[in-house]
Amino acid sequence: YQEKQNSHTEISGISIKQALIIGACQVLAMIPGVSRSLATIL
């Protein structure tokens, strides 16, 4: 992974599509051991 220089710096800059994708990935954390933080951060 390499962080892009034009990456979003504010939470308010997250798009609706991005928010839904992050939320969908969070669902993986229902499996104990996965980590809600890990799923959403990645």
PDB file of all heavy atoms in Angstrom:
ATOM      1  N   TYR A   1       0.823  -1.215   0.000  1.00  0.00           N
ATOM      2  CA  TYR A   1       0.000   0.000   0.000  1.00  0.00           C
ATOM      3  C   TYR A   1       0.854   1.261   0.000  1.00  0.00           C
ATOM      4  O   TYR A   1       1.859   1.367   0.709  1.00  0.00           O
ATOM      5  CB  TYR A   1      -0.905   0.020   1.239  1.00  0.00           C
ATOM      6  CG  TYR A   1      -1.667   1.322   1.398  1.00  0.00           C
ATOM      7  CD1 TYR A   1      -2.778   1.594   0.604  1.00  0.00           C
ATOM      8  CD2 TYR A   1      -1.267   2.266   2.340  1.00  0.00           C
ATOM      9  CE1 TYR A   1      -3.479   2.777   0.738  1.00  0.00           C
ATOM     10  CE2 TYR A   1      -1.972   3.455   2.486  1.00  0.00           C
ATOM     11  CZ  TYR A   1      -3.067   3.708   1.679  1.00  0.00           C
ATOM     12  OH  TYR A   1      -3.754   4.883   1.821  1.00  0.00           O
ATOM     13  N   GLN A   2       0.448   2.233  -0.808  1.00  0.00           N
ATOM     14  CA  GLN A   2       1.073   3.550  -0.824  1.00  0.00           C
ATOM     15  C   GLN A   2      -0.026   4.601  -0.787  1.00  0.00           C
ATOM     16  O   GLN A   2      -0.911   4.603  -1.648  1.00  0.00           O
ATOM     17  CB  GLN A   2       1.938   3.744  -2.081  1.00  0.00           C
ATOM     18  CG  GLN A   2       3.218   2.920  -2.083  1.00  0.00           C
ATOM     19  CD  GLN A   2       4.110   3.249  -3.264  1.00  0.00           C
ATOM     20  OE1 GLN A   2       3.669   3.787  -4.267  1.00  0.00           O
ATOM     21  NE2 GLN A   2       5.390   2.934  -3.127  1.00  0.00           N
ATOM     22  N   GLU A   3       0.040   5.463   0.191  1.00  0.00           N
ATOM     23  CA  GLU A   3      -0.991   6.486   0.334  1.00  0.00           C
ATOM     24  C   GLU A   3      -0.864   7.530  -0.775  1.00  0.00           C
ATOM     25  O   GLU A   3       0.226   8.017  -1.065  1.00  0.00           O
ATOM     26  CB  GLU A   3      -0.872   7.165   1.703  1.00  0.00           C
ATOM     27  CG  GLU A   3      -2.028   8.084   2.029  1.00  0.00           C
ATOM     28  CD  GLU A   3      -2.003   8.529   3.484  1.00  0.00           C
ATOM     29  OE1 GLU A   3      -1.235   9.447   3.797  1.00  0.00           O
ATOM     30  OE2 GLU A   3      -2.738   7.943   4.298  1.00  0.00           O
ATOM     31  N   LYS A   4      -1.993   7.869  -1.376  1.00  0.00           N
ATOM     32  CA  LYS A   4      -2.011   8.855  -2.451  1.00  0.00           C
ATOM     33  C   LYS A   4      -2.000  10.266  -1.875  1.00  0.00           C
ATOM     34  O   LYS A   4      -2.574  10.528  -0.827  1.00  0.00           O
ATOM     35  CB  LYS A   4      -3.249   8.657  -3.319  1.00  0.00           C
ATOM     36  CG  LYS A   4      -3.312   7.285  -3.992  1.00  0.00           C
ATOM     37  CD  LYS A   4      -4.589   7.126  -4.793  1.00  0.00           C
ATOM     38  CE  LYS A   4      -4.664   5.736  -5.428  1.00  0.00           C
ATOM     39  NZ  LYS A   4      -5.928   5.549  -6.192  1.00  0.00           N
ATOM     40  N   GLN A   5      -1.349  11.164  -2.581  1.00  0.00           N
ATOM     41  CA  GLN A   5      -1.239  12.544  -2.112  1.00  0.00           C
ATOM     42  C   GLN A   5      -2.588  13.250  -2.095  1.00  0.00           C
ATOM     43  O   GLN A   5      -2.815  14.172  -1.321  1.00  0.00           O
ATOM     44  CB  GLN A   5      -0.262  13.320  -3.010  1.00  0.00           C
ATOM     45  CG  GLN A   5       1.171  12.839  -2.904  1.00  0.00           C
ATOM     46  CD  GLN A   5       1.717  12.955  -1.490  1.00  0.00           C
ATOM     47  OE1 GLN A   5       1.532  13.957  -0.813  1.00  0.00           O
ATOM     48  NE2 GLN A   5       2.406  11.910  -1.048  1.00  0.00           N
ATOM     49  N   ASN A   6      -3.506  12.829  -2.985  1.00  0.00           N
ATOM     50  CA  ASN A   6      -4.812  13.475  -3.047  1.00  0.00           C
ATOM     51  C   ASN A   6      -5.873  12.736  -2.230  1.00  0.00           C
ATOM     52  O   ASN A   6      -7.073  12.876  -2.472  1.00  0.00           O
ATOM     53  CB  ASN A   6      -5.281  13.592  -4.498  1.00  0.00           C
ATOM     54  CG  ASN A   6      -5.416  12.221  -5.180  1.00  0.00           C
ATOM     55  OD1 ASN A   6      -4.921  11.217  -4.669  1.00  0.00           O
ATOM     56  ND2 ASN A   6      -6.060  12.189  -6.333  1.00  0.00           N
ATOM     57  N   SER A   7      -5.433  11.922  -1.267  1.00  0.00           N
ATOM     58  CA  SER A   7      -6.372  11.188  -0.419  1.00  0.00           C
ATOM     59  C   SER A   7      -7.228  12.156   0.385  1.00  0.00           C
ATOM     60  O   SER A   7      -6.793  13.255   0.735  1.00  0.00           O
ATOM     61  CB  SER A   7      -5.605  10.265   0.543  1.00  0.00           C
ATOM     62  OG  SER A   7      -4.844   9.325  -0.173  1.00  0.00           O
ATOM     63  N   HIS A   8      -8.461  11.731   0.679  1.00  0.00           N
ATOM     64  CA  HIS A   8      -9.363  12.565   1.469  1.00  0.00           C
ATOM     65  C   HIS A   8      -8.777  12.795   2.859  1.00  0.00           C
ATOM     66  O   HIS A   8      -8.273  11.874   3.495  1.00  0.00           O
ATOM     67  CB  HIS A   8     -10.737  11.901   1.600  1.00  0.00           C
ATOM     68  CG  HIS A   8     -11.484  11.814   0.306  1.00  0.00           C
ATOM     69  ND1 HIS A   8     -11.754  12.902  -0.479  1.00  0.00           N
ATOM     70  CD2 HIS A   8     -12.022  10.751  -0.339  1.00  0.00           C
ATOM     71  CE1 HIS A   8     -12.427  12.512  -1.551  1.00  0.00           C
ATOM     72  NE2 HIS A   8     -12.590  11.208  -1.491  1.00  0.00           N
ATOM     73  N   THR A   9      -8.871  14.027   3.328  1.00  0.00           N
ATOM     74  CA  THR A   9      -8.337  14.358   4.651  1.00  0.00           C
ATOM     75  C   THR A   9      -9.432  14.654   5.667  1.00  0.00           C
ATOM     76  O   THR A   9      -9.140  14.787   6.851  1.00  0.00           O
ATOM     77  CB  THR A   9      -7.395  15.572   4.555  1.00  0.00           C
ATOM     78  OG1 THR A   9      -8.119  16.686   4.004  1.00  0.00           O
ATOM     79  CG2 THR A   9      -6.201  15.273   3.667  1.00  0.00           C
ATOM     80  N   GLU A  10     -10.694  14.762   5.215  1.00  0.00           N
ATOM     81  CA  GLU A  10     -11.797  15.067   6.110  1.00  0.00           C
ATOM     82  C   GLU A  10     -12.877  13.990   6.002  1.00  0.00           C
ATOM     83  O   GLU A  10     -13.151  13.477   4.912  1.00  0.00           O
ATOM     84  CB  GLU A  10     -12.400  16.442   5.786  1.00  0.00           C
ATOM     85  CG  GLU A  10     -11.430  17.599   5.918  1.00  0.00           C
ATOM     86  CD  GLU A  10     -10.989  17.833   7.356  1.00  0.00           C
ATOM     87  OE1 GLU A  10     -11.747  17.448   8.265  1.00  0.00           O
ATOM     88  OE2 GLU A  10      -9.902  18.398   7.560  1.00  0.00           O
ATOM     89  N   ILE A  11     -13.494  13.677   7.119  1.00  0.00           N
ATOM     90  CA  ILE A  11     -14.565  12.683   7.120  1.00  0.00           C
ATOM     91  C   ILE A  11     -15.718  13.133   6.232  1.00  0.00           C
ATOM     92  O   ILE A  11     -16.344  12.330   5.534  1.00  0.00           O
ATOM     93  CB  ILE A  11     -15.053  12.418   8.558  1.00  0.00           C
ATOM     94  CG1 ILE A  11     -13.942  11.730   9.360  1.00  0.00           C
ATOM     95  CG2 ILE A  11     -16.319  11.568   8.559  1.00  0.00           C
ATOM     96  CD1 ILE A  11     -14.277  11.535  10.819  1.00  0.00           C
ATOM     97  N   SER A  12     -16.002  14.427   6.238  1.00  0.00           N
ATOM     98  CA  SER A  12     -17.099  14.963   5.428  1.00  0.00           C
ATOM     99  C   SER A  12     -16.838  14.803   3.936  1.00  0.00           C
ATOM    100  O   SER A  12     -17.763  14.919   3.123  1.00  0.00           O
ATOM    101  CB  SER A  12     -17.338  16.437   5.767  1.00  0.00           C
ATOM    102  OG  SER A  12     -16.156  17.192   5.578  1.00  0.00           O
ATOM    103  N   GLY A  13     -15.573  14.535   3.542  1.00  0.00           N
ATOM    104  CA  GLY A  13     -15.240  14.336   2.140  1.00  0.00           C
ATOM    105  C   GLY A  13     -15.497  12.923   1.646  1.00  0.00           C
ATOM    106  O   GLY A  13     -15.382  12.642   0.455  1.00  0.00           O
ATOM    107  N   ILE A  14     -15.859  12.018   2.560  1.00  0.00           N
ATOM    108  CA  ILE A  14     -16.184  10.639   2.185  1.00  0.00           C
ATOM    109  C   ILE A  14     -17.498  10.631   1.405  1.00  0.00           C
ATOM    110  O   ILE A  14     -18.483  11.233   1.834  1.00  0.00           O
ATOM    111  CB  ILE A  14     -16.297   9.744   3.437  1.00  0.00           C
ATOM    112  CG1 ILE A  14     -14.948   9.693   4.169  1.00  0.00           C
ATOM    113  CG2 ILE A  14     -16.748   8.339   3.063  1.00  0.00           C
ATOM    114  CD1 ILE A  14     -15.010   8.947   5.491  1.00  0.00           C
ATOM    115  N   SER A  15     -17.513   9.955   0.275  1.00  0.00           N
ATOM    116  CA  SER A  15     -18.732   9.902  -0.531  1.00  0.00           C
ATOM    117  C   SER A  15     -19.726   8.893   0.054  1.00  0.00           C
ATOM    118  O   SER A  15     -19.360   8.045   0.885  1.00  0.00           O
ATOM    119  CB  SER A  15     -18.402   9.505  -1.970  1.00  0.00           C
ATOM    120  OG  SER A  15     -17.971   8.154  -2.025  1.00  0.00           O
ATOM    121  N   ILE A  16     -20.963   8.974  -0.399  1.00  0.00           N
ATOM    122  CA  ILE A  16     -21.995   8.040   0.055  1.00  0.00           C
ATOM    123  C   ILE A  16     -21.622   6.611  -0.338  1.00  0.00           C
ATOM    124  O   ILE A  16     -21.772   5.669   0.452  1.00  0.00           O
ATOM    125  CB  ILE A  16     -23.371   8.415  -0.543  1.00  0.00           C
ATOM    126  CG1 ILE A  16     -23.842   9.750   0.055  1.00  0.00           C
ATOM    127  CG2 ILE A  16     -24.396   7.309  -0.274  1.00  0.00           C
ATOM    128  CD1 ILE A  16     -25.138  10.257  -0.537  1.00  0.00           C
ATOM    129  N   LYS A  17     -21.100   6.450  -1.552  1.00  0.00           N
ATOM    130  CA  LYS A  17     -20.689   5.125  -2.020  1.00  0.00           C
ATOM    131  C   LYS A  17     -19.574   4.565  -1.150  1.00  0.00           C
ATOM    132  O   LYS A  17     -19.603   3.386  -0.759  1.00  0.00           O
ATOM    133  CB  LYS A  17     -20.234   5.207  -3.474  1.00  0.00           C
ATOM    134  CG  LYS A  17     -19.777   3.876  -4.051  1.00  0.00           C
ATOM    135  CD  LYS A  17     -19.340   4.019  -5.499  1.00  0.00           C
ATOM    136  CE  LYS A  17     -18.844   2.685  -6.058  1.00  0.00           C
ATOM    137  NZ  LYS A  17     -18.406   2.821  -7.477  1.00  0.00           N
ATOM    138  N   GLN A  18     -18.584   5.390  -0.842  1.00  0.00           N
ATOM    139  CA  GLN A  18     -17.474   4.947   0.006  1.00  0.00           C
ATOM    140  C   GLN A  18     -17.974   4.561   1.397  1.00  0.00           C
ATOM    141  O   GLN A  18     -17.532   3.562   1.974  1.00  0.00           O
ATOM    142  CB  GLN A  18     -16.428   6.047   0.108  1.00  0.00           C
ATOM    143  CG  GLN A  18     -15.613   6.266  -1.158  1.00  0.00           C
ATOM    144  CD  GLN A  18     -14.698   7.467  -1.074  1.00  0.00           C
ATOM    145  OE1 GLN A  18     -15.030   8.470  -0.435  1.00  0.00           O
ATOM    146  NE2 GLN A  18     -13.535   7.378  -1.705  1.00  0.00           N
ATOM    147  N   ALA A  19     -18.888   5.359   1.946  1.00  0.00           N
ATOM    148  CA  ALA A  19     -19.436   5.073   3.275  1.00  0.00           C
ATOM    149  C   ALA A  19     -20.152   3.723   3.286  1.00  0.00           C
ATOM    150  O   ALA A  19     -20.008   2.937   4.232  1.00  0.00           O
ATOM    151  CB  ALA A  19     -20.396   6.185   3.689  1.00  0.00           C
ATOM    152  N   LEU A  20     -20.926   3.451   2.249  1.00  0.00           N
ATOM    153  CA  LEU A  20     -21.636   2.169   2.174  1.00  0.00           C
ATOM    154  C   LEU A  20     -20.671   0.994   2.054  1.00  0.00           C
ATOM    155  O   LEU A  20     -20.888  -0.056   2.667  1.00  0.00           O
ATOM    156  CB  LEU A  20     -22.597   2.179   0.979  1.00  0.00           C
ATOM    157  CG  LEU A  20     -23.912   2.940   1.179  1.00  0.00           C
ATOM    158  CD1 LEU A  20     -24.672   3.027  -0.134  1.00  0.00           C
ATOM    159  CD2 LEU A  20     -24.768   2.284   2.247  1.00  0.00           C
ATOM    160  N   ILE A  21     -19.611   1.167   1.270  1.00  0.00           N
ATOM    161  CA  ILE A  21     -18.628   0.090   1.115  1.00  0.00           C
ATOM    162  C   ILE A  21     -17.923  -0.180   2.445  1.00  0.00           C
ATOM    163  O   ILE A  21     -17.729  -1.339   2.848  1.00  0.00           O
ATOM    164  CB  ILE A  21     -17.597   0.451   0.027  1.00  0.00           C
ATOM    165  CG1 ILE A  21     -18.265   0.474  -1.344  1.00  0.00           C
ATOM    166  CG2 ILE A  21     -16.435  -0.552   0.034  1.00  0.00           C
ATOM    167  CD1 ILE A  21     -17.368   0.957  -2.458  1.00  0.00           C
ATOM    168  N   ILE A  22     -17.540   0.880   3.148  1.00  0.00           N
ATOM    169  CA  ILE A  22     -16.893   0.722   4.458  1.00  0.00           C
ATOM    170  C   ILE A  22     -17.841   0.026   5.423  1.00  0.00           C
ATOM    171  O   ILE A  22     -17.442  -0.868   6.179  1.00  0.00           O
ATOM    172  CB  ILE A  22     -16.462   2.092   5.015  1.00  0.00           C
ATOM    173  CG1 ILE A  22     -15.350   2.684   4.142  1.00  0.00           C
ATOM    174  CG2 ILE A  22     -15.986   1.958   6.463  1.00  0.00           C
ATOM    175  CD1 ILE A  22     -15.025   4.126   4.459  1.00  0.00           C
ATOM    176  N   GLY A  23     -19.114   0.424   5.395  1.00  0.00           N
ATOM    177  CA  GLY A  23     -20.105  -0.208   6.266  1.00  0.00           C
ATOM    178  C   GLY A  23     -20.308  -1.672   5.942  1.00  0.00           C
ATOM    179  O   GLY A  23     -20.462  -2.504   6.838  1.00  0.00           O
ATOM    180  N   ALA A  24     -20.283  -2.005   4.647  1.00  0.00           N
ATOM    181  CA  ALA A  24     -20.438  -3.404   4.243  1.00  0.00           C
ATOM    182  C   ALA A  24     -19.255  -4.235   4.718  1.00  0.00           C
ATOM    183  O   ALA A  24     -19.415  -5.385   5.156  1.00  0.00           O
ATOM    184  CB  ALA A  24     -20.578  -3.494   2.726  1.00  0.00           C
ATOM    185  N   CYS A  25     -18.053  -3.659   4.651  1.00  0.00           N
ATOM    186  CA  CYS A  25     -16.865  -4.374   5.125  1.00  0.00           C
ATOM    187  C   CYS A  25     -16.884  -4.545   6.642  1.00  0.00           C
ATOM    188  O   CYS A  25     -16.385  -5.550   7.171  1.00  0.00           O
ATOM    189  CB  CYS A  25     -15.600  -3.619   4.704  1.00  0.00           C
ATOM    190  SG  CYS A  25     -15.277  -3.673   2.920  1.00  0.00           S
ATOM    191  N   GLN A  26     -17.491  -3.583   7.355  1.00  0.00           N
ATOM    192  CA  GLN A  26     -17.582  -3.693   8.807  1.00  0.00           C
ATOM    193  C   GLN A  26     -18.358  -4.932   9.227  1.00  0.00           C
ATOM    194  O   GLN A  26     -18.109  -5.512  10.286  1.00  0.00           O
ATOM    195  CB  GLN A  26     -18.256  -2.452   9.401  1.00  0.00           C
ATOM    196  CG  GLN A  26     -18.432  -2.538  10.904  1.00  0.00           C
ATOM    197  CD  GLN A  26     -19.103  -1.320  11.503  1.00  0.00           C
ATOM    198  OE1 GLN A  26     -18.521  -0.626  12.312  1.00  0.00           O
ATOM    199  NE2 GLN A  26     -20.355  -1.062  11.131  1.00  0.00           N
ATOM    200  N   VAL A  27     -19.296  -5.351   8.395  1.00  0.00           N
ATOM    201  CA  VAL A  27     -20.123  -6.527   8.707  1.00  0.00           C
ATOM    202  C   VAL A  27     -19.264  -7.766   8.934  1.00  0.00           C
ATOM    203  O   VAL A  27     -19.632  -8.663   9.699  1.00  0.00           O
ATOM    204  CB  VAL A  27     -21.149  -6.770   7.579  1.00  0.00           C
ATOM    205  CG1 VAL A  27     -21.898  -8.076   7.799  1.00  0.00           C
ATOM    206  CG2 VAL A  27     -22.130  -5.608   7.503  1.00  0.00           C
ATOM    207  N   LEU A  28     -18.089  -7.816   8.292  1.00  0.00           N
ATOM    208  CA  LEU A  28     -17.188  -8.962   8.479  1.00  0.00           C
ATOM    209  C   LEU A  28     -16.789  -9.131   9.937  1.00  0.00           C
ATOM    210  O   LEU A  28     -16.427 -10.224  10.374  1.00  0.00           O
ATOM    211  CB  LEU A  28     -15.930  -8.784   7.620  1.00  0.00           C
ATOM    212  CG  LEU A  28     -16.123  -8.843   6.099  1.00  0.00           C
ATOM    213  CD1 LEU A  28     -14.823  -8.464   5.398  1.00  0.00           C
ATOM    214  CD2 LEU A  28     -16.576 -10.233   5.686  1.00  0.00           C
ATOM    215  N   ALA A  29     -16.851  -8.018  10.702  1.00  0.00           N
ATOM    216  CA  ALA A  29     -16.445  -8.065  12.102  1.00  0.00           C
ATOM    217  C   ALA A  29     -17.443  -8.806  12.976  1.00  0.00           C
ATOM    218  O   ALA A  29     -17.176  -9.027  14.166  1.00  0.00           O
ATOM    219  CB  ALA A  29     -16.244  -6.644  12.640  1.00  0.00           C
ATOM    220  N   MET A  30     -18.578  -9.218  12.417  1.00  0.00           N
ATOM    221  CA  MET A  30     -19.480 -10.079  13.183  1.00  0.00           C
ATOM    222  C   MET A  30     -18.820 -11.421  13.463  1.00  0.00           C
ATOM    223  O   MET A  30     -19.223 -12.147  14.363  1.00  0.00           O
ATOM    224  CB  MET A  30     -20.807 -10.277  12.436  1.00  0.00           C
ATOM    225  CG  MET A  30     -21.680  -9.035  12.400  1.00  0.00           C
ATOM    226  SD  MET A  30     -23.384  -9.372  11.884  1.00  0.00           S
ATOM    227  CE  MET A  30     -23.127  -9.902  10.199  1.00  0.00           C
ATOM    228  N   ILE A  31     -17.796 -11.737  12.677  1.00  0.00           N
ATOM    229  CA  ILE A  31     -16.989 -12.936  12.944  1.00  0.00           C
ATOM    230  C   ILE A  31     -15.960 -12.552  14.001  1.00  0.00           C
ATOM    231  O   ILE A  31     -15.071 -11.743  13.726  1.00  0.00           O
ATOM    232  CB  ILE A  31     -16.269 -13.418  11.671  1.00  0.00           C
ATOM    233  CG1 ILE A  31     -17.271 -13.698  10.558  1.00  0.00           C
ATOM    234  CG2 ILE A  31     -15.434 -14.654  11.978  1.00  0.00           C
ATOM    235  CD1 ILE A  31     -16.626 -14.003   9.222  1.00  0.00           C
ATOM    236  N   PRO A  32     -16.055 -13.072  15.218  1.00  0.00           N
ATOM    237  CA  PRO A  32     -15.112 -12.678  16.266  1.00  0.00           C
ATOM    238  C   PRO A  32     -13.674 -13.013  15.898  1.00  0.00           C
ATOM    239  O   PRO A  32     -13.378 -14.101  15.422  1.00  0.00           O
ATOM    240  CB  PRO A  32     -15.580 -13.488  17.493  1.00  0.00           C
ATOM    241  CG  PRO A  32     -16.362 -14.621  16.923  1.00  0.00           C
ATOM    242  CD  PRO A  32     -17.000 -14.088  15.682  1.00  0.00           C
ATOM    243  N   GLY A  33     -12.803 -12.031  16.100  1.00  0.00           N
ATOM    244  CA  GLY A  33     -11.410 -12.214  15.740  1.00  0.00           C
ATOM    245  C   GLY A  33     -11.028 -11.422  14.506  1.00  0.00           C
ATOM    246  O   GLY A  33      -9.853 -11.126  14.280  1.00  0.00           O
ATOM    247  N   VAL A  34     -12.027 -11.045  13.690  1.00  0.00           N
ATOM    248  CA  VAL A  34     -11.747 -10.279  12.477  1.00  0.00           C
ATOM    249  C   VAL A  34     -11.327  -8.861  12.835  1.00  0.00           C
ATOM    250  O   VAL A  34     -10.350  -8.329  12.305  1.00  0.00           O
ATOM    251  CB  VAL A  34     -12.974 -10.251  11.542  1.00  0.00           C
ATOM    252  CG1 VAL A  34     -12.783  -9.211  10.436  1.00  0.00           C
ATOM    253  CG2 VAL A  34     -13.203 -11.629  10.938  1.00  0.00           C
ATOM    254  N   SER A  35     -12.058  -8.202  13.715  1.00  0.00           N
ATOM    255  CA  SER A  35     -11.833  -6.833  14.156  1.00  0.00           C
ATOM    256  C   SER A  35     -12.583  -5.840  13.289  1.00  0.00           C
ATOM    257  O   SER A  35     -12.330  -5.724  12.079  1.00  0.00           O
ATOM    258  CB  SER A  35     -10.352  -6.451  14.181  1.00  0.00           C
ATOM    259  OG  SER A  35     -10.205  -5.054  14.408  1.00  0.00           O
ATOM    260  N   ARG A  36     -13.499  -5.132  13.921  1.00  0.00           N
ATOM    261  CA  ARG A  36     -14.262  -4.083  13.249  1.00  0.00           C
ATOM    262  C   ARG A  36     -13.319  -2.995  12.736  1.00  0.00           C
ATOM    263  O   ARG A  36     -13.465  -2.492  11.622  1.00  0.00           O
ATOM    264  CB  ARG A  36     -15.292  -3.501  14.224  1.00  0.00           C
ATOM    265  CG  ARG A  36     -16.320  -2.564  13.605  1.00  0.00           C
ATOM    266  CD  ARG A  36     -17.059  -1.801  14.678  1.00  0.00           C
ATOM    267  NE  ARG A  36     -16.097  -1.037  15.490  1.00  0.00           N
ATOM    268  CZ  ARG A  36     -15.557   0.094  15.081  1.00  0.00           C
ATOM    269  NH1 ARG A  36     -15.859   0.591  13.914  1.00  0.00           N
ATOM    270  NH2 ARG A  36     -14.688   0.721  15.834  1.00  0.00           N
ATOM    271  N   SER A  37     -12.342  -2.632  13.564  1.00  0.00           N
ATOM    272  CA  SER A  37     -11.379  -1.606  13.163  1.00  0.00           C
ATOM    273  C   SER A  37     -10.577  -2.047  11.946  1.00  0.00           C
ATOM    274  O   SER A  37     -10.355  -1.269  11.012  1.00  0.00           O
ATOM    275  CB  SER A  37     -10.426  -1.293  14.318  1.00  0.00           C
ATOM    276  OG  SER A  37     -11.108  -0.715  15.404  1.00  0.00           O
ATOM    277  N   LEU A  38     -10.121  -3.295  11.953  1.00  0.00           N
ATOM    278  CA  LEU A  38      -9.341  -3.812  10.828  1.00  0.00           C
ATOM    279  C   LEU A  38     -10.145  -3.752   9.544  1.00  0.00           C
ATOM    280  O   LEU A  38      -9.654  -3.276   8.506  1.00  0.00           O
ATOM    281  CB  LEU A  38      -8.908  -5.250  11.105  1.00  0.00           C
ATOM    282  CG  LEU A  38      -8.203  -5.987   9.956  1.00  0.00           C
ATOM    283  CD1 LEU A  38      -6.865  -5.327   9.658  1.00  0.00           C
ATOM    284  CD2 LEU A  38      -8.013  -7.457  10.281  1.00  0.00           C
ATOM    285  N   ALA A  39     -11.383  -4.233   9.588  1.00  0.00           N
ATOM    286  CA  ALA A  39     -12.214  -4.288   8.388  1.00  0.00           C
ATOM    287  C   ALA A  39     -12.486  -2.896   7.826  1.00  0.00           C
ATOM    288  O   ALA A  39     -12.381  -2.661   6.615  1.00  0.00           O
ATOM    289  CB  ALA A  39     -13.533  -4.996   8.702  1.00  0.00           C
ATOM    290  N   THR A  40     -12.829  -1.947   8.690  1.00  0.00           N
ATOM    291  CA  THR A  40     -13.164  -0.599   8.219  1.00  0.00           C
ATOM    292  C   THR A  40     -11.920   0.174   7.777  1.00  0.00           C
ATOM    293  O   THR A  40     -11.960   0.907   6.793  1.00  0.00           O
ATOM    294  CB  THR A  40     -13.902   0.192   9.317  1.00  0.00           C
ATOM    295  OG1 THR A  40     -13.130   0.169  10.532  1.00  0.00           O
ATOM    296  CG2 THR A  40     -15.263  -0.409   9.595  1.00  0.00           C
ATOM    297  N   ILE A  41     -10.817   0.002   8.492  1.00  0.00           N
ATOM    298  CA  ILE A  41      -9.587   0.716   8.139  1.00  0.00           C
ATOM    299  C   ILE A  41      -9.047   0.251   6.788  1.00  0.00           C
ATOM    300  O   ILE A  41      -8.694   1.068   5.929  1.00  0.00           O
ATOM    301  CB  ILE A  41      -8.521   0.541   9.236  1.00  0.00           C
ATOM    302  CG1 ILE A  41      -8.914   1.354  10.482  1.00  0.00           C
ATOM    303  CG2 ILE A  41      -7.149   0.979   8.735  1.00  0.00           C
ATOM    304  CD1 ILE A  41      -8.037   1.105  11.686  1.00  0.00           C
ATOM    305  N   LEU A  42      -8.968  -1.054   6.569  1.00  0.00           N
ATOM    306  CA  LEU A  42      -8.471  -1.552   5.285  1.00  0.00           C
ATOM    307  C   LEU A  42      -9.401  -1.138   4.150  1.00  0.00           C
ATOM    308  O   LEU A  42      -8.944  -0.811   3.043  1.00  0.00           O
ATOM    309  CB  LEU A  42      -8.329  -3.074   5.320  1.00  0.00           C
ATOM    310  CG  LEU A  42      -7.210  -3.634   6.198  1.00  0.00           C
ATOM    311  CD1 LEU A  42      -7.065  -5.136   5.995  1.00  0.00           C
ATOM    312  CD2 LEU A  42      -5.885  -2.941   5.912  1.00  0.00           C
TER     313      LEU A  42
END
